[in-house]
Protein backbone atom coordinates (compact mmCIF):
# COMPACT_ATOMS: atom_id res chain seq x y z
CA MET A 1 0.16 -0.25 0.36
CA SER A 2 1.45 3.15 -0.73
CA THR A 3 0.79 6.46 1.91
CA PRO A 4 -2.27 7.93 0.53
CA ASP A 5 -2.19 11.86 -0.85
CA TYR A 6 -3.48 15.22 1.69
CA GLY A 7 -3.97 16.95 -1.19
CA ASN A 8 -6.90 19.49 -0.65
CA GLY A 9 -10.28 17.90 -2.13
CA LYS A 10 -9.29 15.17 -1.73
CA ILE A 11 -11.68 12.41 -0.32
CA CYS A 12 -10.20 10.52 2.29
CA TYR A 13 -12.65 9.13 4.93
CA MET A 14 -15.56 6.83 4.35
CA GLU A 15 -18.98 6.09 6.19
CA ILE A 16 -20.31 3.38 5.83
CA PRO A 17 -24.07 2.60 7.43
CA ALA A 18 -24.12 -1.72 8.36
CA ASP A 19 -26.84 -3.82 10.01
CA ASP A 20 -23.74 -6.15 11.02
CA ILE A 21 -20.06 -4.59 10.96
CA ALA A 22 -18.83 -8.36 11.27
CA VAL A 23 -20.17 -8.62 7.88
CA SER A 24 -19.49 -5.67 6.13
CA ALA A 25 -16.03 -5.42 6.72
CA ALA A 26 -15.76 -9.08 5.19
CA PHE A 27 -17.90 -8.74 2.50
CA TYR A 28 -15.99 -6.01 0.95
CA GLN A 29 -12.58 -7.35 2.21
CA ASN A 30 -13.57 -10.14 0.18
CA VAL A 31 -15.05 -8.37 -2.79
CA PHE A 32 -12.35 -6.36 -2.98
CA GLY A 33 -8.96 -6.46 -1.70
CA TRP A 34 -9.81 -3.62 1.54
CA ALA A 35 -7.33 -3.94 4.81
CA VAL A 36 -9.71 -4.54 7.75
CA ARG A 37 -7.54 -2.96 11.32
CA THR A 38 -9.42 -2.28 14.18
CA ARG A 39 -8.86 0.80 15.13
CA GLY A 40 -7.25 2.59 19.10
CA ASP A 41 -10.92 2.78 19.87
CA GLY A 42 -11.70 -0.65 18.76
CA ALA A 43 -14.17 0.00 16.21
CA LEU A 44 -13.47 -1.85 12.66
CA ALA A 45 -11.84 0.66 10.24
CA PHE A 46 -10.83 -0.35 6.71
CA ASP A 47 -7.97 1.30 3.80
CA ASP A 48 -8.86 0.69 -0.03
CA GLY A 49 -7.18 -1.04 -2.07
CA VAL A 50 -4.77 1.17 -2.84
CA GLY A 51 -4.79 2.57 0.69
CA GLN A 52 -5.83 6.01 -0.52
CA VAL A 53 -9.25 5.98 0.67
CA SER A 54 -10.12 4.87 5.36
CA GLY A 55 -13.44 4.68 6.68
CA THR A 56 -15.95 2.79 8.92
CA TRP A 57 -19.03 1.26 8.94
CA VAL A 58 -21.14 2.54 10.96
CA LEU A 59 -24.17 1.26 13.00
CA GLY A 60 -27.99 3.03 13.29
CA ARG A 61 -27.99 4.91 10.06
CA LYS A 62 -29.91 3.84 6.66
CA ALA A 63 -28.21 2.17 3.65
CA ASN A 64 -27.55 4.45 0.71
CA ALA A 65 -30.60 2.38 -0.81
CA ALA A 66 -31.63 5.13 -3.58
CA VAL A 67 -29.07 6.54 -5.99
CA GLY A 68 -27.84 10.05 -5.36
CA ALA A 69 -24.12 10.63 -4.74
CA LEU A 70 -23.01 7.38 -5.85
CA VAL A 71 -18.77 6.15 -4.97
CA TYR A 72 -18.43 3.83 -8.18
CA ILE A 73 -14.59 1.31 -6.80
CA MET A 74 -12.68 0.60 -9.71
CA VAL A 75 -12.09 -2.72 -10.36
CA ASP A 76 -9.57 -4.78 -12.44
CA SER A 77 -12.54 -6.77 -13.84
CA ALA A 78 -16.22 -6.22 -13.67
CA VAL A 79 -17.16 -9.88 -14.90
CA ASP A 80 -14.72 -11.53 -11.77
CA THR A 81 -16.74 -8.65 -9.16
CA ILE A 82 -19.94 -9.17 -9.88
CA ASP A 83 -19.60 -13.11 -9.36
CA LYS A 84 -17.61 -12.25 -6.37
CA ILE A 85 -20.56 -9.46 -4.92
CA ILE A 86 -23.44 -12.15 -5.46
CA ALA A 87 -20.76 -15.00 -3.51
CA ASN A 88 -20.52 -12.89 -0.45
CA GLY A 89 -23.66 -11.38 0.20
CA GLY A 90 -24.53 -8.51 -2.13
CA SER A 91 -26.63 -7.61 -4.95
CA ILE A 92 -26.61 -6.66 -8.34
CA VAL A 93 -29.46 -3.76 -9.25
CA GLN A 94 -28.07 -2.19 -12.88
CA PRO A 95 -25.79 -5.65 -14.75
CA ILE A 96 -22.67 -4.49 -17.16
CA GLY A 97 -23.86 -2.48 -20.13
CA GLY A 98 -25.89 0.10 -18.34
CA ASP A 99 -24.24 3.17 -18.90
CA HIS A 100 -22.01 2.14 -21.86
CA PRO A 101 -19.93 2.72 -23.21
CA GLU A 102 -18.43 3.21 -19.66
CA ILE A 103 -17.48 -0.47 -18.13
CA THR A 104 -19.78 -0.96 -15.16
CA ALA A 105 -22.58 -1.95 -12.55
CA ARG A 106 -24.23 -1.14 -9.79
CA PHE A 107 -24.45 -3.63 -6.36
CA THR A 108 -25.85 -3.38 -2.90
CA ASP A 109 -23.27 -5.10 0.08
CA PRO A 110 -25.38 -7.13 3.04
CA ALA A 111 -26.80 -3.92 3.68
CA GLY A 112 -28.45 -2.85 1.18
CA ASN A 113 -25.88 0.75 0.35
CA ILE A 114 -25.70 1.07 -3.62
CA PHE A 115 -22.14 1.66 -4.84
CA GLY A 116 -21.07 1.42 -8.59
CA ILE A 117 -18.01 -0.66 -10.35
CA TYR A 118 -16.17 0.80 -12.30
CA GLN A 119 -13.64 -0.70 -15.34
CA GLU A 120 -10.92 0.70 -16.97
CA PRO A 121 -10.74 0.17 -20.54
CA GLN A 122 -8.29 -2.03 -22.44
């Protein structure tokens, strides 16, 4: 993992609603390879796959279950990632092709939050 950039305006931290923090942590770790760690206060936190964005899961908040502001996670293979999403308790709400010609899909995590995946064209 690289040292994060600390530039003005960079998105750096996310709080993701969860019904069960351990289930959500396992989902993002298994699907996207996020590093899960325990913070000094005992809460589970994550660092994304390239060490640029960190965050945590929070209880007692509504899932982002409607598309408003939408975060996309970059992946090497949208097809392989969709298989991992489904195998780890997520579901696909917009299959590949919905944003053609971009290679994207949208999914819900186990708590019902909607995120997108994006594959850079070859």
